[in-house]
């Protein structure tokens, strides 16, 4: 079998019990994996593990950690046939989205996974998530950044966390699953991306100021005016339905126009898990379009945030970024 690299960043899957609850502990997961009989089976791929330092709960992940993970994949790209990134569930969809943009010309599997219950516990979802991810990474059938969880293989930049306590913790609301795990792993190869040609390169992300605003009934838009300065590079607005905002948006438009003049890129996504934004389809969304907001189509908020980081880190000007935000780069959107 092929050889894969496991990159452990932290998260529930490798945690152990402490007096203050579950917490990651240096070296603990490596010892657990060495003792796991399934990983010594001749049908499993050979593997090495890289343990990041410090190990983090995924809620503490930042652009800095995304860069470190991408660097580890890049540095070891020639040594392995695939990669499994063990990660906490809370921000796994953000990391999967970010890596999909950062790893340019990726031609090998990168599979993110984790668990809802630590591997050290008798009843845990960690074993299947880990073993299946390793097998997927070893086959080379999928050559993009993916997320495997609860028996489903998903495109990384199409995922969102759906459940805080269910084993099917992630969904891919606007794109079909790349594979289903039953008695066998059933791949839908027609849905997989064809890798771009060229050698792997990474685009490190800069911690540019980016914000997210979720629209809700009765929202007072003027409260957000103070953050719309030249320092704010990008903002994602989660609107109702197909891009609709409350009728009180008269207060929002001057703010958006101010941000537009400052060069801030404003992307509109939907709060609905499924469906697409269509600015101008309704009167309540046409004002956003006229003010210069970008149509996010069916981008998840996670993918929109990661894509903004990526495009700003490429050094593009605002005009180019707005154009690229409405262009599919890594299979992240349907437009």
C-alpha atoms as a PDB file:
ATOM      1  CA  UNK A   1       0.000   0.000   0.000  1.00  0.00           C
ATOM      2  CA  UNK A   2       0.970   3.623  -0.349  1.00  0.00           C
ATOM      3  CA  UNK A   3       2.431   5.678   2.474  1.00  0.00           C
ATOM      4  CA  UNK A   4       0.585   8.567   4.064  1.00  0.00           C
ATOM      5  CA  UNK A   5       1.354  11.345   6.503  1.00  0.00           C
ATOM      6  CA  UNK A   6      -0.911  12.055   9.475  1.00  0.00           C
ATOM      7  CA  UNK A   7      -0.725  15.653  10.693  1.00  0.00           C
ATOM      8  CA  UNK A   8      -2.167  16.031  14.176  1.00  0.00           C
ATOM      9  CA  UNK A   9      -3.174  19.595  15.060  1.00  0.00           C
ATOM     10  CA  UNK A  10      -5.184  18.898  18.214  1.00  0.00           C
ATOM     11  CA  UNK A  11      -8.892  18.457  18.749  1.00  0.00           C
ATOM     12  CA  UNK A  12     -11.125  15.920  20.441  1.00  0.00           C
ATOM     13  CA  UNK A  13      -9.849  12.867  18.559  1.00  0.00           C
ATOM     14  CA  UNK A  14      -6.501  12.851  20.384  1.00  0.00           C
ATOM     15  CA  UNK A  15      -7.545  14.251  23.745  1.00  0.00           C
ATOM     16  CA  UNK A  16      -7.207  12.514  27.087  1.00  0.00           C
ATOM     17  CA  UNK A  17      -9.050  12.899  30.360  1.00  0.00           C
ATOM     18  CA  UNK A  18      -7.743  15.508  32.795  1.00  0.00           C
ATOM     19  CA  UNK A  19      -9.045  17.042  36.012  1.00  0.00           C
ATOM     20  CA  UNK A  20     -10.391  19.947  33.956  1.00  0.00           C
ATOM     21  CA  UNK A  21     -11.997  17.797  31.260  1.00  0.00           C
ATOM     22  CA  UNK A  22     -10.716  16.530  27.925  1.00  0.00           C
ATOM     23  CA  UNK A  23      -7.490  18.172  26.737  1.00  0.00           C
ATOM     24  CA  UNK A  24      -4.741  17.408  24.199  1.00  0.00           C
ATOM     25  CA  UNK A  25      -1.495  16.031  25.590  1.00  0.00           C
ATOM     26  CA  UNK A  26       1.827  15.899  23.788  1.00  0.00           C
ATOM     27  CA  UNK A  27       2.697  12.409  22.577  1.00  0.00           C
ATOM     28  CA  UNK A  28      -0.547  10.809  23.760  1.00  0.00           C
ATOM     29  CA  UNK A  29      -2.193  10.268  20.367  1.00  0.00           C
ATOM     30  CA  UNK A  30       0.977   8.831  18.845  1.00  0.00           C
ATOM     31  CA  UNK A  31       1.104   6.218  21.593  1.00  0.00           C
ATOM     32  CA  UNK A  32      -2.567   5.403  21.035  1.00  0.00           C
ATOM     33  CA  UNK A  33      -2.086   4.926  17.288  1.00  0.00           C
ATOM     34  CA  UNK A  34       0.929   2.653  17.781  1.00  0.00           C
ATOM     35  CA  UNK A  35      -1.235   0.381  19.967  1.00  0.00           C
ATOM     36  CA  UNK A  36      -4.239   0.394  17.637  1.00  0.00           C
ATOM     37  CA  UNK A  37      -4.254  -3.094  16.021  1.00  0.00           C
ATOM     38  CA  UNK A  38      -6.124  -1.952  12.893  1.00  0.00           C
ATOM     39  CA  UNK A  39      -3.272   0.356  11.898  1.00  0.00           C
ATOM     40  CA  UNK A  40      -0.808  -2.553  11.899  1.00  0.00           C
ATOM     41  CA  UNK A  41      -2.964  -4.612   9.524  1.00  0.00           C
ATOM     42  CA  UNK A  42      -1.278  -5.421   6.213  1.00  0.00           C
ATOM     43  CA  UNK A  43      -4.221  -3.899   4.352  1.00  0.00           C
ATOM     44  CA  UNK A  44      -3.582  -0.495   5.870  1.00  0.00           C
ATOM     45  CA  UNK A  45      -1.156   2.001   4.339  1.00  0.00           C
ATOM     46  CA  UNK A  46       2.143   2.714   6.010  1.00  0.00           C
ATOM     47  CA  UNK A  47       2.074   5.969   7.920  1.00  0.00           C
ATOM     48  CA  UNK A  48       4.080   8.527   9.804  1.00  0.00           C
ATOM     49  CA  UNK A  49       2.697  11.165  12.148  1.00  0.00           C
ATOM     50  CA  UNK A  50       3.664  14.797  12.559  1.00  0.00           C
ATOM     51  CA  UNK A  51       2.421  16.370  15.779  1.00  0.00           C
ATOM     52  CA  UNK A  52       2.000  20.114  15.673  1.00  0.00           C
ATOM     53  CA  UNK A  53       3.095  22.240  18.595  1.00  0.00           C
ATOM     54  CA  UNK A  54       1.246  23.509  20.457  1.00  0.00           C
ATOM     55  CA  UNK A  55      -1.734  21.199  20.098  1.00  0.00           C
ATOM     56  CA  UNK A  56      -4.867  23.308  19.892  1.00  0.00           C
ATOM     57  CA  UNK A  57      -8.567  23.134  20.450  1.00  0.00           C
ATOM     58  CA  UNK A  58      -9.827  24.105  17.002  1.00  0.00           C
ATOM     59  CA  UNK A  59     -11.627  27.160  18.371  1.00  0.00           C
ATOM     60  CA  UNK A  60      -8.142  28.649  18.796  1.00  0.00           C
ATOM     61  CA  UNK A  61      -7.153  28.120  15.147  1.00  0.00           C
ATOM     62  CA  UNK A  62      -5.990  31.211  13.249  1.00  0.00           C
ATOM     63  CA  UNK A  63      -4.438  32.103   9.911  1.00  0.00           C
ATOM     64  CA  UNK A  64      -1.061  31.384  11.526  1.00  0.00           C
ATOM     65  CA  UNK A  65      -2.003  27.728  12.149  1.00  0.00           C
ATOM     66  CA  UNK A  66      -3.430  27.359   8.630  1.00  0.00           C
ATOM     67  CA  UNK A  67      -0.061  28.460   7.294  1.00  0.00           C
ATOM     68  CA  UNK A  68       1.763  25.937   9.485  1.00  0.00           C
ATOM     69  CA  UNK A  69      -0.429  23.060   8.307  1.00  0.00           C
ATOM     70  CA  UNK A  70       0.031  24.040   4.655  1.00  0.00           C
ATOM     71  CA  UNK A  71       3.793  24.272   5.180  1.00  0.00           C
ATOM     72  CA  UNK A  72       3.927  20.744   6.625  1.00  0.00           C
ATOM     73  CA  UNK A  73       2.064  19.378   3.608  1.00  0.00           C
ATOM     74  CA  UNK A  74       4.325  21.265   1.219  1.00  0.00           C
ATOM     75  CA  UNK A  75       7.551  20.210   2.963  1.00  0.00           C
ATOM     76  CA  UNK A  76       6.555  16.540   2.935  1.00  0.00           C
ATOM     77  CA  UNK A  77       4.696  16.443  -0.364  1.00  0.00           C
ATOM     78  CA  UNK A  78       7.274  14.332  -2.170  1.00  0.00           C
ATOM     79  CA  UNK A  79       7.546  11.736   0.606  1.00  0.00           C
ATOM     80  CA  UNK A  80       3.920  10.653   0.829  1.00  0.00           C
ATOM     81  CA  UNK A  81       1.024   9.661  -1.408  1.00  0.00           C
ATOM     82  CA  UNK A  82      -1.591  11.416   0.689  1.00  0.00           C
ATOM     83  CA  UNK A  83      -2.229  13.353   3.885  1.00  0.00           C
ATOM     84  CA  UNK A  84      -4.688  13.071   6.768  1.00  0.00           C
ATOM     85  CA  UNK A  85      -5.116  16.165   8.938  1.00  0.00           C
ATOM     86  CA  UNK A  86      -6.552  15.430  12.383  1.00  0.00           C
ATOM     87  CA  UNK A  87      -8.399  18.503  13.564  1.00  0.00           C
ATOM     88  CA  UNK A  88     -11.028  19.662  16.052  1.00  0.00           C
ATOM     89  CA  UNK A  89     -14.543  19.864  14.670  1.00  0.00           C
ATOM     90  CA  UNK A  90     -15.493  23.439  15.586  1.00  0.00           C
ATOM     91  CA  UNK A  91     -13.442  25.122  12.857  1.00  0.00           C
ATOM     92  CA  UNK A  92     -12.584  22.155  10.646  1.00  0.00           C
ATOM     93  CA  UNK A  93     -14.697  23.494   7.763  1.00  0.00           C
ATOM     94  CA  UNK A  94     -12.790  26.800   7.899  1.00  0.00           C
ATOM     95  CA  UNK A  95      -9.423  25.012   7.791  1.00  0.00           C
ATOM     96  CA  UNK A  96     -10.557  22.714   4.970  1.00  0.00           C
ATOM     97  CA  UNK A  97     -11.712  25.731   2.963  1.00  0.00           C
ATOM     98  CA  UNK A  98      -8.493  27.641   3.618  1.00  0.00           C
ATOM     99  CA  UNK A  99      -6.241  24.723   2.636  1.00  0.00           C
ATOM    100  CA  UNK A 100      -8.198  24.220  -0.592  1.00  0.00           C
ATOM    101  CA  UNK A 101      -7.181  27.709  -1.708  1.00  0.00           C
ATOM    102  CA  UNK A 102      -3.677  27.765  -0.216  1.00  0.00           C
ATOM    103  CA  UNK A 103      -2.484  24.497  -1.787  1.00  0.00           C
ATOM    104  CA  UNK A 104      -2.164  25.534  -5.418  1.00  0.00           C
ATOM    105  CA  UNK A 105      -1.894  22.730  -8.020  1.00  0.00           C
ATOM    106  CA  UNK A 106      -2.619  20.060  -5.422  1.00  0.00           C
ATOM    107  CA  UNK A 107      -2.533  16.588  -7.005  1.00  0.00           C
ATOM    108  CA  UNK A 108      -2.766  14.343  -3.928  1.00  0.00           C
ATOM    109  CA  UNK A 109      -5.449  13.626  -1.327  1.00  0.00           C
ATOM    110  CA  UNK A 110      -5.626  15.853   1.738  1.00  0.00           C
ATOM    111  CA  UNK A 111      -8.338  14.539   4.055  1.00  0.00           C
ATOM    112  CA  UNK A 112      -9.392  16.359   7.221  1.00  0.00           C
ATOM    113  CA  UNK A 113     -11.114  14.424   9.953  1.00  0.00           C
ATOM    114  CA  UNK A 114     -11.586  14.251  13.703  1.00  0.00           C
ATOM    115  CA  UNK A 115     -14.189  12.917  16.090  1.00  0.00           C
ATOM    116  CA  UNK A 116     -16.945  13.838  18.491  1.00  0.00           C
ATOM    117  CA  UNK A 117     -15.637  11.417  21.146  1.00  0.00           C
ATOM    118  CA  UNK A 118     -11.897  10.917  21.850  1.00  0.00           C
ATOM    119  CA  UNK A 119     -10.154   7.831  20.505  1.00  0.00           C
ATOM    120  CA  UNK A 120      -9.251   6.847  24.065  1.00  0.00           C
ATOM    121  CA  UNK A 121     -12.888   6.187  24.943  1.00  0.00           C
ATOM    122  CA  UNK A 122     -14.505   2.763  24.446  1.00  0.00           C
ATOM    123  CA  UNK A 123     -17.435   4.211  22.509  1.00  0.00           C
ATOM    124  CA  UNK A 124     -16.009   6.584  19.930  1.00  0.00           C
ATOM    125  CA  UNK A 125     -16.483   7.613  16.316  1.00  0.00           C
ATOM    126  CA  UNK A 126     -12.742   8.221  16.028  1.00  0.00           C
ATOM    127  CA  UNK A 127     -11.744   4.785  14.722  1.00  0.00           C
ATOM    128  CA  UNK A 128     -13.878   4.780  11.597  1.00  0.00           C
ATOM    129  CA  UNK A 129     -13.150   8.431  10.827  1.00  0.00           C
ATOM    130  CA  UNK A 130      -9.408   7.826  11.160  1.00  0.00           C
ATOM    131  CA  UNK A 131      -9.179   4.457   9.374  1.00  0.00           C
ATOM    132  CA  UNK A 132     -11.451   5.452   6.494  1.00  0.00           C
ATOM    133  CA  UNK A 133      -9.596   8.744   6.035  1.00  0.00           C
ATOM    134  CA  UNK A 134      -6.284   6.894   5.890  1.00  0.00           C
ATOM    135  CA  UNK A 135      -7.605   4.490   3.257  1.00  0.00           C
ATOM    136  CA  UNK A 136      -9.049   7.358   1.213  1.00  0.00           C
ATOM    137  CA  UNK A 137      -5.746   9.255   1.406  1.00  0.00           C
ATOM    138  CA  UNK A 138      -3.834   6.150   0.298  1.00  0.00           C
ATOM    139  CA  UNK A 139      -5.921   5.360  -2.784  1.00  0.00           C
ATOM    140  CA  UNK A 140      -5.288   8.645  -4.582  1.00  0.00           C
ATOM    141  CA  UNK A 141      -8.750   8.556  -6.151  1.00  0.00           C
ATOM    142  CA  UNK A 142      -9.591  12.001  -4.824  1.00  0.00           C
ATOM    143  CA  UNK A 143      -6.957  14.670  -5.411  1.00  0.00           C
ATOM    144  CA  UNK A 144      -8.211  17.692  -3.571  1.00  0.00           C
ATOM    145  CA  UNK A 145      -8.819  18.895  -0.017  1.00  0.00           C
ATOM    146  CA  UNK A 146     -11.663  16.868   1.475  1.00  0.00           C
ATOM    147  CA  UNK A 147     -13.357  16.309   4.793  1.00  0.00           C
ATOM    148  CA  UNK A 148     -14.402  12.833   5.943  1.00  0.00           C
ATOM    149  CA  UNK A 149     -16.815  12.462   8.812  1.00  0.00           C
ATOM    150  CA  UNK A 150     -19.664  10.154   9.779  1.00  0.00           C
ATOM    151  CA  UNK A 151     -19.327   7.926   6.737  1.00  0.00           C
ATOM    152  CA  UNK A 152     -19.316  10.752   4.181  1.00  0.00           C
ATOM    153  CA  UNK A 153     -16.476  12.192   2.094  1.00  0.00           C
ATOM    154  CA  UNK A 154     -17.100  15.841   1.215  1.00  0.00           C
ATOM    155  CA  UNK A 155     -15.302  18.555  -0.724  1.00  0.00           C
ATOM    156  CA  UNK A 156     -13.582  20.574   1.975  1.00  0.00           C
ATOM    157  CA  UNK A 157     -14.688  24.024   0.840  1.00  0.00           C
ATOM    158  CA  UNK A 158     -18.336  22.917   0.584  1.00  0.00           C
ATOM    159  CA  UNK A 159     -18.679  21.770   4.178  1.00  0.00           C
ATOM    160  CA  UNK A 160     -20.186  23.302   7.265  1.00  0.00           C
ATOM    161  CA  UNK A 161     -20.531  21.984  10.796  1.00  0.00           C
ATOM    162  CA  UNK A 162     -24.096  20.818  11.269  1.00  0.00           C
ATOM    163  CA  UNK A 163     -24.260  19.130  14.674  1.00  0.00           C
ATOM    164  CA  UNK A 164     -22.500  19.695  17.986  1.00  0.00           C
ATOM    165  CA  UNK A 165     -23.215  16.228  19.342  1.00  0.00           C
ATOM    166  CA  UNK A 166     -24.159  13.926  16.452  1.00  0.00           C
ATOM    167  CA  UNK A 167     -21.738  11.580  14.709  1.00  0.00           C
ATOM    168  CA  UNK A 168     -22.827  13.086  11.373  1.00  0.00           C
ATOM    169  CA  UNK A 169     -21.381  16.411  12.414  1.00  0.00           C
ATOM    170  CA  UNK A 170     -20.814  17.875   8.940  1.00  0.00           C
ATOM    171  CA  UNK A 171     -22.930  18.488   5.879  1.00  0.00           C
ATOM    172  CA  UNK A 172     -22.214  19.512   2.313  1.00  0.00           C
ATOM    173  CA  UNK A 173     -25.469  21.354   1.673  1.00  0.00           C
ATOM    174  CA  UNK A 174     -24.920  22.540  -1.893  1.00  0.00           C
ATOM    175  CA  UNK A 175     -22.704  19.832  -3.366  1.00  0.00           C
ATOM    176  CA  UNK A 176     -23.127  16.027  -3.424  1.00  0.00           C
ATOM    177  CA  UNK A 177     -20.893  13.746  -1.360  1.00  0.00           C
ATOM    178  CA  UNK A 178     -17.721  12.566  -3.082  1.00  0.00           C
ATOM    179  CA  UNK A 179     -17.977   9.149  -1.437  1.00  0.00           C
ATOM    180  CA  UNK A 180     -20.239   7.159   0.879  1.00  0.00           C
ATOM    181  CA  UNK A 181     -18.962   4.643   3.367  1.00  0.00           C
ATOM    182  CA  UNK A 182     -20.959   1.431   3.651  1.00  0.00           C
ATOM    183  CA  UNK A 183     -19.682  -2.112   3.345  1.00  0.00           C
ATOM    184  CA  UNK A 184     -17.378  -0.530   0.774  1.00  0.00           C
ATOM    185  CA  UNK A 185     -16.286   3.019   0.034  1.00  0.00           C
ATOM    186  CA  UNK A 186     -18.370   4.088  -2.955  1.00  0.00           C
ATOM    187  CA  UNK A 187     -16.751   6.966  -4.840  1.00  0.00           C
ATOM    188  CA  UNK A 188     -18.554   9.384  -7.155  1.00  0.00           C
ATOM    189  CA  UNK A 189     -15.611  10.078  -9.393  1.00  0.00           C
ATOM    190  CA  UNK A 190     -17.587  12.296 -11.776  1.00  0.00           C
ATOM    191  CA  UNK A 191     -17.982  14.819  -8.951  1.00  0.00           C
ATOM    192  CA  UNK A 192     -14.266  15.112  -8.193  1.00  0.00           C
ATOM    193  CA  UNK A 193     -12.089  17.966  -9.357  1.00  0.00           C
ATOM    194  CA  UNK A 194      -9.474  17.513 -12.034  1.00  0.00           C
ATOM    195  CA  UNK A 195      -6.266  18.916 -10.520  1.00  0.00           C
ATOM    196  CA  UNK A 196      -4.665  21.970 -12.085  1.00  0.00           C
ATOM    197  CA  UNK A 197      -1.425  21.270 -13.891  1.00  0.00           C
ATOM    198  CA  UNK A 198       1.876  22.359 -12.373  1.00  0.00           C
ATOM    199  CA  UNK A 199       3.962  21.807  -9.284  1.00  0.00           C
ATOM    200  CA  UNK A 200       2.489  22.222  -5.838  1.00  0.00           C
ATOM    201  CA  UNK A 201       2.939  25.651  -4.328  1.00  0.00           C
ATOM    202  CA  UNK A 202       1.459  27.269  -1.264  1.00  0.00           C
ATOM    203  CA  UNK A 203       0.037  30.718  -0.831  1.00  0.00           C
ATOM    204  CA  UNK A 204       0.525  31.736   2.772  1.00  0.00           C
ATOM    205  CA  UNK A 205      -2.321  33.790   4.146  1.00  0.00           C
ATOM    206  CA  UNK A 206      -1.969  37.213   5.704  1.00  0.00           C
ATOM    207  CA  UNK A 207      -4.119  38.092   8.734  1.00  0.00           C
ATOM    208  CA  UNK A 208      -6.028  40.835   6.921  1.00  0.00           C
ATOM    209  CA  UNK A 209      -9.022  42.331   8.805  1.00  0.00           C
ATOM    210  CA  UNK A 210     -12.176  40.486   7.716  1.00  0.00           C
ATOM    211  CA  UNK A 211     -15.602  40.566   9.350  1.00  0.00           C
ATOM    212  CA  UNK A 212     -18.896  38.668   9.254  1.00  0.00           C
ATOM    213  CA  UNK A 213     -22.342  40.217   9.852  1.00  0.00           C
ATOM    214  CA  UNK A 214     -25.438  38.065  10.219  1.00  0.00           C
ATOM    215  CA  UNK A 215     -28.654  39.871   9.356  1.00  0.00           C
ATOM    216  CA  UNK A 216     -31.571  39.352  11.734  1.00  0.00           C
ATOM    217  CA  UNK A 217     -35.052  40.877  12.138  1.00  0.00           C
ATOM    218  CA  UNK A 218     -34.793  44.314  13.698  1.00  0.00           C
ATOM    219  CA  UNK A 219     -31.054  44.652  13.053  1.00  0.00           C
ATOM    220  CA  UNK A 220     -29.775  48.197  13.578  1.00  0.00           C
ATOM    221  CA  UNK A 221     -27.299  48.608  10.763  1.00  0.00           C
ATOM    222  CA  UNK A 222     -25.965  51.923  12.030  1.00  0.00           C
ATOM    223  CA  UNK A 223     -24.293  50.056  14.905  1.00  0.00           C
ATOM    224  CA  UNK A 224     -21.852  48.579  12.371  1.00  0.00           C
ATOM    225  CA  UNK A 225     -20.839  51.885  10.820  1.00  0.00           C
ATOM    226  CA  UNK A 226     -17.888  52.281  13.177  1.00  0.00           C
ATOM    227  CA  UNK A 227     -16.174  49.133  11.845  1.00  0.00           C
ATOM    228  CA  UNK A 228     -16.500  50.186   8.196  1.00  0.00           C
ATOM    229  CA  UNK A 229     -13.122  51.884   8.048  1.00  0.00           C
ATOM    230  CA  UNK A 230     -10.270  51.648   5.570  1.00  0.00           C
ATOM    231  CA  UNK A 231      -8.699  49.002   7.827  1.00  0.00           C
ATOM    232  CA  UNK A 232     -11.536  46.549   7.111  1.00  0.00           C
ATOM    233  CA  UNK A 233     -10.525  44.715   3.940  1.00  0.00           C
ATOM    234  CA  UNK A 234     -13.439  42.346   3.509  1.00  0.00           C
ATOM    235  CA  UNK A 235     -16.794  41.526   5.017  1.00  0.00           C
ATOM    236  CA  UNK A 236     -19.256  38.664   4.558  1.00  0.00           C
ATOM    237  CA  UNK A 237     -22.930  39.526   5.059  1.00  0.00           C
ATOM    238  CA  UNK A 238     -25.175  36.560   5.842  1.00  0.00           C
ATOM    239  CA  UNK A 239     -28.550  37.615   4.450  1.00  0.00           C
ATOM    240  CA  UNK A 240     -31.990  36.042   4.390  1.00  0.00           C
ATOM    241  CA  UNK A 241     -32.897  33.666   1.556  1.00  0.00           C
ATOM    242  CA  UNK A 242     -31.506  34.604  -1.837  1.00  0.00           C
ATOM    243  CA  UNK A 243     -29.749  37.730  -0.572  1.00  0.00           C
ATOM    244  CA  UNK A 244     -32.580  39.670   1.037  1.00  0.00           C
ATOM    245  CA  UNK A 245     -32.232  42.276   3.762  1.00  0.00           C
ATOM    246  CA  UNK A 246     -34.853  44.028   5.913  1.00  0.00           C
ATOM    247  CA  UNK A 247     -36.728  47.000   4.494  1.00  0.00           C
ATOM    248  CA  UNK A 248     -34.899  49.181   7.005  1.00  0.00           C
ATOM    249  CA  UNK A 249     -31.816  48.754   4.849  1.00  0.00           C
ATOM    250  CA  UNK A 250     -31.876  52.453   4.036  1.00  0.00           C
ATOM    251  CA  UNK A 251     -29.523  52.699   6.989  1.00  0.00           C
ATOM    252  CA  UNK A 252     -27.290  49.968   5.552  1.00  0.00           C
ATOM    253  CA  UNK A 253     -26.770  51.345   2.067  1.00  0.00           C
ATOM    254  CA  UNK A 254     -24.762  54.443   3.069  1.00  0.00           C
ATOM    255  CA  UNK A 255     -22.579  52.189   5.218  1.00  0.00           C
ATOM    256  CA  UNK A 256     -21.961  49.791   2.324  1.00  0.00           C
ATOM    257  CA  UNK A 257     -21.284  52.683  -0.030  1.00  0.00           C
ATOM    258  CA  UNK A 258     -18.779  54.055   2.474  1.00  0.00           C
ATOM    259  CA  UNK A 259     -17.090  50.676   2.695  1.00  0.00           C
ATOM    260  CA  UNK A 260     -17.122  50.392  -1.091  1.00  0.00           C
ATOM    261  CA  UNK A 261     -15.311  53.726  -1.415  1.00  0.00           C
ATOM    262  CA  UNK A 262     -12.782  52.557   1.186  1.00  0.00           C
ATOM    263  CA  UNK A 263     -12.014  49.515  -0.973  1.00  0.00           C
ATOM    264  CA  UNK A 264     -13.694  47.024   1.358  1.00  0.00           C
ATOM    265  CA  UNK A 265     -14.897  43.919  -0.484  1.00  0.00           C
ATOM    266  CA  UNK A 266     -18.431  42.934   0.563  1.00  0.00           C
ATOM    267  CA  UNK A 267     -19.581  39.396  -0.216  1.00  0.00           C
ATOM    268  CA  UNK A 268     -23.206  38.358   0.258  1.00  0.00           C
ATOM    269  CA  UNK A 269     -23.954  34.797   1.383  1.00  0.00           C
ATOM    270  CA  UNK A 270     -27.215  33.198   2.475  1.00  0.00           C
ATOM    271  CA  UNK A 271     -28.122  32.061   5.966  1.00  0.00           C
ATOM    272  CA  UNK A 272     -29.906  29.121   4.348  1.00  0.00           C
ATOM    273  CA  UNK A 273     -27.756  25.991   4.325  1.00  0.00           C
ATOM    274  CA  UNK A 274     -28.952  25.150   0.820  1.00  0.00           C
ATOM    275  CA  UNK A 275     -29.592  27.347  -2.193  1.00  0.00           C
ATOM    276  CA  UNK A 276     -27.890  30.275  -3.823  1.00  0.00           C
ATOM    277  CA  UNK A 277     -27.750  34.056  -3.527  1.00  0.00           C
ATOM    278  CA  UNK A 278     -29.235  35.921  -6.466  1.00  0.00           C
ATOM    279  CA  UNK A 279     -28.840  39.636  -5.921  1.00  0.00           C
ATOM    280  CA  UNK A 280     -31.547  41.606  -7.687  1.00  0.00           C
ATOM    281  CA  UNK A 281     -34.021  38.724  -7.859  1.00  0.00           C
ATOM    282  CA  UNK A 282     -36.070  40.470  -5.154  1.00  0.00           C
ATOM    283  CA  UNK A 283     -36.494  44.154  -4.431  1.00  0.00           C
ATOM    284  CA  UNK A 284     -35.048  43.612  -0.953  1.00  0.00           C
ATOM    285  CA  UNK A 285     -31.738  42.438  -2.450  1.00  0.00           C
ATOM    286  CA  UNK A 286     -31.388  44.844  -5.367  1.00  0.00           C
ATOM    287  CA  UNK A 287     -30.126  47.601  -3.087  1.00  0.00           C
ATOM    288  CA  UNK A 288     -27.101  45.492  -2.119  1.00  0.00           C
ATOM    289  CA  UNK A 289     -26.270  44.920  -5.755  1.00  0.00           C
ATOM    290  CA  UNK A 290     -26.575  48.616  -6.580  1.00  0.00           C
ATOM    291  CA  UNK A 291     -24.310  49.467  -3.655  1.00  0.00           C
ATOM    292  CA  UNK A 292     -21.505  47.277  -5.036  1.00  0.00           C
ATOM    293  CA  UNK A 293     -21.881  44.083  -3.001  1.00  0.00           C
ATOM    294  CA  UNK A 294     -20.667  40.812  -4.504  1.00  0.00           C
ATOM    295  CA  UNK A 295     -22.894  37.838  -5.229  1.00  0.00           C
ATOM    296  CA  UNK A 296     -21.640  34.915  -3.123  1.00  0.00           C
ATOM    297  CA  UNK A 297     -23.906  32.412  -4.908  1.00  0.00           C
ATOM    298  CA  UNK A 298     -23.808  29.157  -2.873  1.00  0.00           C
ATOM    299  CA  UNK A 299     -20.562  29.817  -1.026  1.00  0.00           C
ATOM    300  CA  UNK A 300     -20.612  28.728   2.589  1.00  0.00           C
ATOM    301  CA  UNK A 301     -19.612  31.420   5.045  1.00  0.00           C
ATOM    302  CA  UNK A 302     -16.507  29.350   5.853  1.00  0.00           C
ATOM    303  CA  UNK A 303     -15.469  29.252   2.205  1.00  0.00           C
ATOM    304  CA  UNK A 304     -16.236  32.950   1.688  1.00  0.00           C
ATOM    305  CA  UNK A 305     -14.043  33.964   4.625  1.00  0.00           C
ATOM    306  CA  UNK A 306     -11.190  31.682   3.533  1.00  0.00           C
ATOM    307  CA  UNK A 307     -11.447  32.879  -0.070  1.00  0.00           C
ATOM    308  CA  UNK A 308     -11.233  36.514   0.983  1.00  0.00           C
ATOM    309  CA  UNK A 309      -8.099  35.774   3.026  1.00  0.00           C
ATOM    310  CA  UNK A 310      -6.606  33.969   0.041  1.00  0.00           C
ATOM    311  CA  UNK A 311      -7.353  36.629  -2.570  1.00  0.00           C
ATOM    312  CA  UNK A 312      -6.072  39.483  -0.417  1.00  0.00           C
ATOM    313  CA  UNK A 313      -2.939  37.441   0.301  1.00  0.00           C
ATOM    314  CA  UNK A 314      -2.401  37.082  -3.456  1.00  0.00           C
ATOM    315  CA  UNK A 315      -1.920  40.852  -3.584  1.00  0.00           C
ATOM    316  CA  UNK A 316      -4.834  41.561  -5.920  1.00  0.00           C
ATOM    317  CA  UNK A 317      -6.517  44.952  -5.899  1.00  0.00           C
ATOM    318  CA  UNK A 318     -10.159  45.301  -4.860  1.00  0.00           C
ATOM    319  CA  UNK A 319     -11.462  45.172  -8.419  1.00  0.00           C
ATOM    320  CA  UNK A 320      -9.687  41.897  -9.132  1.00  0.00           C
ATOM    321  CA  UNK A 321     -10.773  40.394  -5.810  1.00  0.00           C
ATOM    322  CA  UNK A 322     -14.412  41.209  -6.529  1.00  0.00           C
ATOM    323  CA  UNK A 323     -14.113  39.531  -9.904  1.00  0.00           C
ATOM    324  CA  UNK A 324     -12.417  36.439  -8.433  1.00  0.00           C
ATOM    325  CA  UNK A 325     -14.931  36.160  -5.564  1.00  0.00           C
ATOM    326  CA  UNK A 326     -17.612  35.529  -8.195  1.00  0.00           C
ATOM    327  CA  UNK A 327     -15.410  33.009 -10.025  1.00  0.00           C
ATOM    328  CA  UNK A 328     -15.120  29.336  -9.101  1.00  0.00           C
ATOM    329  CA  UNK A 329     -11.479  28.591  -8.213  1.00  0.00           C
ATOM    330  CA  UNK A 330     -11.481  25.238  -6.365  1.00  0.00           C
ATOM    331  CA  UNK A 331     -14.965  23.871  -6.825  1.00  0.00           C
ATOM    332  CA  UNK A 332     -16.205  26.030  -3.948  1.00  0.00           C
ATOM    333  CA  UNK A 333     -19.192  27.501  -5.759  1.00  0.00           C
ATOM    334  CA  UNK A 334     -21.714  26.874  -8.522  1.00  0.00           C
ATOM    335  CA  UNK A 335     -22.203  29.877 -10.765  1.00  0.00           C
END
